[in-house]
Amino acid sequence: MGIGWPQLLVIALVILVLFGRGRISEMMGDFGKGIKSFKKGMNEDESADTPKPGGKIEGPAAAASDDQSAKNPAKTSDNS
């Protein structure tokens, strides 16, 4: 059968009596803040995945030449 409108109304009234109007509004405010924070986090993740235009990207060529000179010091021109 399911829950109808009269049953939902009774449940809502019982919750209102148990918690009070102030506590329910506080819980709903916290719930709203949580949703807002979640949406903000999702937007930050999406923007972090996409690269920003105009950024300079350096290749690994400089790092590779530094590694080779560190491994083979005899091949550098500084050792005479």
PDB file of N, CA and C in Angstrom:
ATOM      1  N   MET A   1       0.826  -1.188   0.000  1.00  0.00           N
ATOM      2  CA  MET A   1       0.000   0.000   0.000  1.00  0.00           C
ATOM      3  C   MET A   1       0.875   1.258   0.000  1.00  0.00           C
ATOM      4  N   GLY A   2       1.738   1.384   0.955  1.00  0.00           N
ATOM      5  CA  GLY A   2       2.597   2.557   1.003  1.00  0.00           C
ATOM      6  C   GLY A   2       2.118   3.551   2.053  1.00  0.00           C
ATOM      7  N   ILE A   3       2.905   4.604   2.168  1.00  0.00           N
ATOM      8  CA  ILE A   3       2.579   5.648   3.138  1.00  0.00           C
ATOM      9  C   ILE A   3       1.847   6.767   2.401  1.00  0.00           C
ATOM     10  N   GLY A   4       0.717   7.162   2.917  1.00  0.00           N
ATOM     11  CA  GLY A   4      -0.071   8.232   2.307  1.00  0.00           C
ATOM     12  C   GLY A   4       0.192   9.570   2.981  1.00  0.00           C
ATOM     13  N   TRP A   5      -0.520  10.593   2.516  1.00  0.00           N
ATOM     14  CA  TRP A   5      -0.361  11.947   3.053  1.00  0.00           C
ATOM     15  C   TRP A   5      -0.756  12.045   4.525  1.00  0.00           C
ATOM     16  N   PRO A   6      -1.813  11.394   4.962  1.00  0.00           N
ATOM     17  CA  PRO A   6      -2.165  11.505   6.397  1.00  0.00           C
ATOM     18  C   PRO A   6      -1.075  10.921   7.302  1.00  0.00           C
ATOM     19  N   GLN A   7      -0.464   9.812   6.884  1.00  0.00           N
ATOM     20  CA  GLN A   7       0.600   9.223   7.695  1.00  0.00           C
ATOM     21  C   GLN A   7       1.839  10.130   7.732  1.00  0.00           C
ATOM     22  N   LEU A   8       2.170  10.717   6.600  1.00  0.00           N
ATOM     23  CA  LEU A   8       3.310  11.638   6.561  1.00  0.00           C
ATOM     24  C   LEU A   8       3.073  12.869   7.438  1.00  0.00           C
ATOM     25  N   LEU A   9       1.842  13.342   7.465  1.00  0.00           N
ATOM     26  CA  LEU A   9       1.504  14.496   8.292  1.00  0.00           C
ATOM     27  C   LEU A   9       1.655  14.155   9.770  1.00  0.00           C
ATOM     28  N   VAL A  10       1.206  12.987  10.178  1.00  0.00           N
ATOM     29  CA  VAL A  10       1.339  12.560  11.575  1.00  0.00           C
ATOM     30  C   VAL A  10       2.818  12.414  11.939  1.00  0.00           C
ATOM     31  N   ILE A  11       3.615  11.831  11.062  1.00  0.00           N
ATOM     32  CA  ILE A  11       5.048  11.672  11.323  1.00  0.00           C
ATOM     33  C   ILE A  11       5.713  13.038  11.459  1.00  0.00           C
ATOM     34  N   ALA A  12       5.362  13.979  10.601  1.00  0.00           N
ATOM     35  CA  ALA A  12       5.932  15.324  10.664  1.00  0.00           C
ATOM     36  C   ALA A  12       5.563  16.018  11.969  1.00  0.00           C
ATOM     37  N   LEU A  13       4.326  15.858  12.415  1.00  0.00           N
ATOM     38  CA  LEU A  13       3.907  16.472  13.677  1.00  0.00           C
ATOM     39  C   LEU A  13       4.658  15.857  14.864  1.00  0.00           C
ATOM     40  N   VAL A  14       4.848  14.549  14.856  1.00  0.00           N
ATOM     41  CA  VAL A  14       5.577  13.897  15.942  1.00  0.00           C
ATOM     42  C   VAL A  14       7.023  14.386  15.972  1.00  0.00           C
ATOM     43  N   ILE A  15       7.655  14.500  14.825  1.00  0.00           N
ATOM     44  CA  ILE A  15       9.033  15.002  14.763  1.00  0.00           C
ATOM     45  C   ILE A  15       9.101  16.437  15.267  1.00  0.00           C
ATOM     46  N   LEU A  16       8.123  17.254  14.897  1.00  0.00           N
ATOM     47  CA  LEU A  16       8.084  18.644  15.342  1.00  0.00           C
ATOM     48  C   LEU A  16       7.942  18.729  16.855  1.00  0.00           C
ATOM     49  N   VAL A  17       7.114  17.879  17.434  1.00  0.00           N
ATOM     50  CA  VAL A  17       6.925  17.885  18.883  1.00  0.00           C
ATOM     51  C   VAL A  17       8.188  17.400  19.596  1.00  0.00           C
ATOM     52  N   LEU A  18       8.831  16.361  19.067  1.00  0.00           N
ATOM     53  CA  LEU A  18      10.015  15.807  19.721  1.00  0.00           C
ATOM     54  C   LEU A  18      11.211  16.754  19.683  1.00  0.00           C
ATOM     55  N   PHE A  19      11.483  17.333  18.542  1.00  0.00           N
ATOM     56  CA  PHE A  19      12.687  18.138  18.389  1.00  0.00           C
ATOM     57  C   PHE A  19      12.445  19.631  18.582  1.00  0.00           C
ATOM     58  N   GLY A  20      11.288  20.117  18.287  1.00  0.00           N
ATOM     59  CA  GLY A  20      11.022  21.549  18.384  1.00  0.00           C
ATOM     60  C   GLY A  20      11.419  22.267  17.108  1.00  0.00           C
ATOM     61  N   ARG A  21      10.819  23.425  16.920  1.00  0.00           N
ATOM     62  CA  ARG A  21      11.041  24.172  15.687  1.00  0.00           C
ATOM     63  C   ARG A  21      12.479  24.663  15.567  1.00  0.00           C
ATOM     64  N   GLY A  22      13.092  25.105  16.645  1.00  0.00           N
ATOM     65  CA  GLY A  22      14.454  25.645  16.602  1.00  0.00           C
ATOM     66  C   GLY A  22      15.480  24.587  16.234  1.00  0.00           C
ATOM     67  N   ARG A  23      15.338  23.406  16.809  1.00  0.00           N
ATOM     68  CA  ARG A  23      16.301  22.333  16.527  1.00  0.00           C
ATOM     69  C   ARG A  23      16.166  21.852  15.083  1.00  0.00           C
ATOM     70  N   ILE A  24      14.951  21.774  14.579  1.00  0.00           N
ATOM     71  CA  ILE A  24      14.746  21.329  13.191  1.00  0.00           C
ATOM     72  C   ILE A  24      15.343  22.346  12.213  1.00  0.00           C
ATOM     73  N   SER A  25      15.124  23.635  12.485  1.00  0.00           N
ATOM     74  CA  SER A  25      15.682  24.647  11.578  1.00  0.00           C
ATOM     75  C   SER A  25      17.211  24.635  11.636  1.00  0.00           C
ATOM     76  N   GLU A  26      17.784  24.355  12.819  1.00  0.00           N
ATOM     77  CA  GLU A  26      19.243  24.264  12.947  1.00  0.00           C
ATOM     78  C   GLU A  26      19.769  23.070  12.150  1.00  0.00           C
ATOM     79  N   MET A  27      19.082  21.941  12.233  1.00  0.00           N
ATOM     80  CA  MET A  27      19.508  20.753  11.487  1.00  0.00           C
ATOM     81  C   MET A  27      19.403  20.986   9.980  1.00  0.00           C
ATOM     82  N   MET A  28      18.347  21.647   9.542  1.00  0.00           N
ATOM     83  CA  MET A  28      18.190  21.919   8.112  1.00  0.00           C
ATOM     84  C   MET A  28      19.243  22.913   7.632  1.00  0.00           C
ATOM     85  N   GLY A  29      19.617  23.871   8.483  1.00  0.00           N
ATOM     86  CA  GLY A  29      20.683  24.804   8.122  1.00  0.00           C
ATOM     87  C   GLY A  29      22.013  24.083   7.960  1.00  0.00           C
ATOM     88  N   ASP A  30      22.300  23.161   8.886  1.00  0.00           N
ATOM     89  CA  ASP A  30      23.525  22.371   8.775  1.00  0.00           C
ATOM     90  C   ASP A  30      23.497  21.493   7.531  1.00  0.00           C
ATOM     91  N   PHE A  31      22.344  20.942   7.222  1.00  0.00           N
ATOM     92  CA  PHE A  31      22.179  20.116   6.037  1.00  0.00           C
ATOM     93  C   PHE A  31      22.449  20.943   4.772  1.00  0.00           C
ATOM     94  N   GLY A  32      21.918  22.151   4.733  1.00  0.00           N
ATOM     95  CA  GLY A  32      22.138  23.044   3.592  1.00  0.00           C
ATOM     96  C   GLY A  32      23.605  23.428   3.435  1.00  0.00           C
ATOM     97  N   LYS A  33      24.276  23.682   4.564  1.00  0.00           N
ATOM     98  CA  LYS A  33      25.704  24.012   4.512  1.00  0.00           C
ATOM     99  C   LYS A  33      26.512  22.827   3.985  1.00  0.00           C
ATOM    100  N   GLY A  34      26.113  21.627   4.384  1.00  0.00           N
ATOM    101  CA  GLY A  34      26.802  20.432   3.910  1.00  0.00           C
ATOM    102  C   GLY A  34      26.661  20.256   2.413  1.00  0.00           C
ATOM    103  N   ILE A  35      25.464  20.482   1.899  1.00  0.00           N
ATOM    104  CA  ILE A  35      25.234  20.372   0.446  1.00  0.00           C
ATOM    105  C   ILE A  35      26.041  21.435  -0.296  1.00  0.00           C
ATOM    106  N   LYS A  36      26.060  22.654   0.248  1.00  0.00           N
ATOM    107  CA  LYS A  36      26.802  23.743  -0.388  1.00  0.00           C
ATOM    108  C   LYS A  36      28.296  23.429  -0.423  1.00  0.00           C
ATOM    109  N   SER A  37      28.812  22.893   0.682  1.00  0.00           N
ATOM    110  CA  SER A  37      30.219  22.522   0.736  1.00  0.00           C
ATOM    111  C   SER A  37      30.541  21.389  -0.237  1.00  0.00           C
ATOM    112  N   PHE A  38      29.624  20.429  -0.350  1.00  0.00           N
ATOM    113  CA  PHE A  38      29.816  19.319  -1.283  1.00  0.00           C
ATOM    114  C   PHE A  38      29.863  19.819  -2.721  1.00  0.00           C
ATOM    115  N   LYS A  39      28.948  20.699  -3.098  1.00  0.00           N
ATOM    116  CA  LYS A  39      28.941  21.244  -4.458  1.00  0.00           C
ATOM    117  C   LYS A  39      30.201  22.043  -4.737  1.00  0.00           C
ATOM    118  N   LYS A  40      30.669  22.803  -3.737  1.00  0.00           N
ATOM    119  CA  LYS A  40      31.890  23.586  -3.907  1.00  0.00           C
ATOM    120  C   LYS A  40      33.086  22.662  -4.114  1.00  0.00           C
ATOM    121  N   GLY A  41      33.139  21.578  -3.354  1.00  0.00           N
ATOM    122  CA  GLY A  41      34.217  20.615  -3.512  1.00  0.00           C
ATOM    123  C   GLY A  41      34.188  19.936  -4.867  1.00  0.00           C
ATOM    124  N   MET A  42      32.999  19.626  -5.366  1.00  0.00           N
ATOM    125  CA  MET A  42      32.886  19.006  -6.683  1.00  0.00           C
ATOM    126  C   MET A  42      33.360  19.966  -7.767  1.00  0.00           C
ATOM    127  N   ASN A  43      33.038  21.242  -7.648  1.00  0.00           N
ATOM    128  CA  ASN A  43      33.474  22.233  -8.633  1.00  0.00           C
ATOM    129  C   ASN A  43      34.983  22.419  -8.580  1.00  0.00           C
ATOM    130  N   GLU A  44      35.580  22.365  -7.391  1.00  0.00           N
ATOM    131  CA  GLU A  44      37.036  22.506  -7.273  1.00  0.00           C
ATOM    132  C   GLU A  44      37.733  21.313  -7.905  1.00  0.00           C
ATOM    133  N   ASP A  45      37.195  20.107  -7.732  1.00  0.00           N
ATOM    134  CA  ASP A  45      37.796  18.917  -8.331  1.00  0.00           C
ATOM    135  C   ASP A  45      37.752  18.994  -9.846  1.00  0.00           C
ATOM    136  N   GLU A  46      36.645  19.460 -10.411  1.00  0.00           N
ATOM    137  CA  GLU A  46      36.521  19.567 -11.859  1.00  0.00           C
ATOM    138  C   GLU A  46      37.477  20.606 -12.413  1.00  0.00           C
ATOM    139  N   SER A  47      37.652  21.725 -11.705  1.00  0.00           N
ATOM    140  CA  SER A  47      38.553  22.765 -12.191  1.00  0.00           C
ATOM    141  C   SER A  47      40.007  22.345 -12.030  1.00  0.00           C
ATOM    142  N   ALA A  48      40.315  21.485 -11.069  1.00  0.00           N
ATOM    143  CA  ALA A  48      41.689  21.013 -10.895  1.00  0.00           C
ATOM    144  C   ALA A  48      42.075  20.019 -11.981  1.00  0.00           C
ATOM    145  N   ASP A  49      41.111  19.291 -12.533  1.00  0.00           N
ATOM    146  CA  ASP A  49      41.398  18.310 -13.575  1.00  0.00           C
ATOM    147  C   ASP A  49      41.735  18.958 -14.906  1.00  0.00           C
ATOM    148  N   THR A  50      41.182  20.115 -15.190  1.00  0.00           N
ATOM    149  CA  THR A  50      41.425  20.785 -16.457  1.00  0.00           C
ATOM    150  C   THR A  50      42.633  21.698 -16.314  1.00  0.00           C
ATOM    151  N   PRO A  51      43.584  21.643 -17.257  1.00  0.00           N
ATOM    152  CA  PRO A  51      44.765  22.506 -17.164  1.00  0.00           C
ATOM    153  C   PRO A  51      44.390  23.952 -17.450  1.00  0.00           C
ATOM    154  N   LYS A  52      45.080  24.851 -16.790  1.00  0.00           N
ATOM    155  CA  LYS A  52      44.825  26.272 -16.991  1.00  0.00           C
ATOM    156  C   LYS A  52      45.608  26.739 -18.213  1.00  0.00           C
ATOM    157  N   PRO A  53      44.985  27.486 -19.117  1.00  0.00           N
ATOM    158  CA  PRO A  53      45.679  27.944 -20.315  1.00  0.00           C
ATOM    159  C   PRO A  53      46.733  28.992 -19.973  1.00  0.00           C
ATOM    160  N   GLY A  54      47.779  29.008 -20.771  1.00  0.00           N
ATOM    161  CA  GLY A  54      48.800  30.019 -20.601  1.00  0.00           C
ATOM    162  C   GLY A  54      49.926  29.610 -19.677  1.00  0.00           C
ATOM    163  N   GLY A  55      49.837  28.453 -19.076  1.00  0.00           N
ATOM    164  CA  GLY A  55      50.892  28.003 -18.187  1.00  0.00           C
ATOM    165  C   GLY A  55      52.067  27.452 -18.965  1.00  0.00           C
ATOM    166  N   LYS A  56      53.264  27.679 -18.478  1.00  0.00           N
ATOM    167  CA  LYS A  56      54.463  27.202 -19.154  1.00  0.00           C
ATOM    168  C   LYS A  56      54.802  25.818 -18.619  1.00  0.00           C
ATOM    169  N   ILE A  57      54.984  24.884 -19.530  1.00  0.00           N
ATOM    170  CA  ILE A  57      55.322  23.517 -19.157  1.00  0.00           C
ATOM    171  C   ILE A  57      56.722  23.224 -19.674  1.00  0.00           C
ATOM    172  N   GLU A  58      57.606  22.845 -18.765  1.00  0.00           N
ATOM    173  CA  GLU A  58      58.978  22.533 -19.160  1.00  0.00           C
ATOM    174  C   GLU A  58      59.105  21.041 -19.393  1.00  0.00           C
ATOM    175  N   GLY A  59      59.883  20.686 -20.355  1.00  0.00           N
ATOM    176  CA  GLY A  59      60.104  19.293 -20.679  1.00  0.00           C
ATOM    177  C   GLY A  59      61.137  18.662 -19.758  1.00  0.00           C
ATOM    178  N   PRO A  60      61.306  17.361 -19.821  1.00  0.00           N
ATOM    179  CA  PRO A  60      62.259  16.664 -18.959  1.00  0.00           C
ATOM    180  C   PRO A  60      63.700  16.737 -19.457  1.00  0.00           C
ATOM    181  N   ALA A  61      63.994  17.508 -20.499  1.00  0.00           N
ATOM    182  CA  ALA A  61      65.338  17.560 -21.081  1.00  0.00           C
ATOM    183  C   ALA A  61      66.350  18.108 -20.082  1.00  0.00           C
ATOM    184  N   ALA A  62      66.008  19.144 -19.356  1.00  0.00           N
ATOM    185  CA  ALA A  62      66.941  19.729 -18.394  1.00  0.00           C
ATOM    186  C   ALA A  62      67.216  18.766 -17.252  1.00  0.00           C
ATOM    187  N   ALA A  63      66.228  18.093 -16.784  1.00  0.00           N
ATOM    188  CA  ALA A  63      66.402  17.140 -15.689  1.00  0.00           C
ATOM    189  C   ALA A  63      67.215  15.943 -16.151  1.00  0.00           C
ATOM    190  N   ALA A  64      67.047  15.502 -17.390  1.00  0.00           N
ATOM    191  CA  ALA A  64      67.787  14.353 -17.910  1.00  0.00           C
ATOM    192  C   ALA A  64      69.265  14.676 -18.043  1.00  0.00           C
ATOM    193  N   SER A  65      69.619  15.866 -18.492  1.00  0.00           N
ATOM    194  CA  SER A  65      71.031  16.223 -18.632  1.00  0.00           C
ATOM    195  C   SER A  65      71.690  16.362 -17.267  1.00  0.00           C
ATOM    196  N   ASP A  66      70.971  16.836 -16.275  1.00  0.00           N
ATOM    197  CA  ASP A  66      71.519  16.935 -14.928  1.00  0.00           C
ATOM    198  C   ASP A  66      71.771  15.550 -14.345  1.00  0.00           C
ATOM    199  N   ASP A  67      70.877  14.603 -14.596  1.00  0.00           N
ATOM    200  CA  ASP A  67      71.024  13.249 -14.091  1.00  0.00           C
ATOM    201  C   ASP A  67      72.222  12.553 -14.730  1.00  0.00           C
ATOM    202  N   GLN A  68      72.455  12.771 -16.015  1.00  0.00           N
ATOM    203  CA  GLN A  68      73.552  12.120 -16.706  1.00  0.00           C
ATOM    204  C   GLN A  68      74.892  12.649 -16.204  1.00  0.00           C
ATOM    205  N   SER A  69      74.995  13.932 -15.944  1.00  0.00           N
ATOM    206  CA  SER A  69      76.253  14.492 -15.464  1.00  0.00           C
ATOM    207  C   SER A  69      76.530  14.046 -14.032  1.00  0.00           C
ATOM    208  N   ALA A  70      75.508  13.800 -13.260  1.00  0.00           N
ATOM    209  CA  ALA A  70      75.704  13.321 -11.894  1.00  0.00           C
ATOM    210  C   ALA A  70      76.147  11.868 -11.892  1.00  0.00           C
ATOM    211  N   LYS A  71      75.662  11.068 -12.853  1.00  0.00           N
ATOM    212  CA  LYS A  71      76.028   9.656 -12.920  1.00  0.00           C
ATOM    213  C   LYS A  71      77.436   9.462 -13.482  1.00  0.00           C
ATOM    214  N   ASN A  72      77.826  10.279 -14.449  1.00  0.00           N
ATOM    215  CA  ASN A  72      79.130  10.133 -15.129  1.00  0.00           C
ATOM    216  C   ASN A  72      79.940  11.423 -14.963  1.00  0.00           C
ATOM    217  N   PRO A  73      80.613  11.612 -13.845  1.00  0.00           N
ATOM    218  CA  PRO A  73      81.346  12.859 -13.658  1.00  0.00           C
ATOM    219  C   PRO A  73      82.576  12.960 -14.552  1.00  0.00           C
ATOM    220  N   ALA A  74      83.049  11.857 -15.079  1.00  0.00           N
ATOM    221  CA  ALA A  74      84.233  11.889 -15.931  1.00  0.00           C
ATOM    222  C   ALA A  74      83.940  12.524 -17.281  1.00  0.00           C
ATOM    223  N   LYS A  75      82.696  12.526 -17.725  1.00  0.00           N
ATOM    224  CA  LYS A  75      82.336  13.071 -19.030  1.00  0.00           C
ATOM    225  C   LYS A  75      82.109  14.573 -19.006  1.00  0.00           C
ATOM    226  N   THR A  76      82.109  15.181 -17.853  1.00  0.00           N
ATOM    227  CA  THR A  76      81.880  16.624 -17.803  1.00  0.00           C
ATOM    228  C   THR A  76      83.178  17.348 -18.122  1.00  0.00           C
ATOM    229  N   SER A  77      83.081  18.566 -18.596  1.00  0.00           N
ATOM    230  CA  SER A  77      84.256  19.340 -18.983  1.00  0.00           C
ATOM    231  C   SER A  77      84.942  19.962 -17.777  1.00  0.00           C
ATOM    232  N   ASP A  78      84.319  19.924 -16.602  1.00  0.00           N
ATOM    233  CA  ASP A  78      84.906  20.520 -15.404  1.00  0.00           C
ATOM    234  C   ASP A  78      86.048  19.695 -14.843  1.00  0.00           C
ATOM    235  N   ASN A  79      86.049  18.379 -15.051  1.00  0.00           N
ATOM    236  CA  ASN A  79      87.135  17.528 -14.550  1.00  0.00           C
ATOM    237  C   ASN A  79      88.282  17.541 -15.533  1.00  0.00           C
ATOM    238  N   SER A  80      89.355  18.254 -15.242  1.00  0.00           N
ATOM    239  CA  SER A  80      90.513  18.348 -16.131  1.00  0.00           C
ATOM    240  C   SER A  80      91.681  17.583 -15.589  1.00  0.00           C
TER     241      SER A  80
END
